[in-house]
Amino acid sequence: MRGQLEAMQAEMQQIQLDLMAHHEGLTVAEQIPAALNITDIQARDPSGWYQCISRYISKVAFKL
């Protein structure tokens, strides 16, 4: 169980790094409200920001 938790924490840290790479200087808490306008995010950043934030939200909201 502990190994699984550590693996999940490591994955969360990597996702946070991915998010920061897209929006340098913002905290994750600042990024999530901006991501709630899905159409706007997809239009402005087809490079993968939407997929990144979706992955983050699914990990945080549904795994904790």
Foldseek 3Di string as FASTA:
>chain_A
DVVVVVVLVVVLVVLQVVQCVVPPPDHPVVVLVVCVVPVVCCVVPVPCNNVSSVVNCCSPVPVD
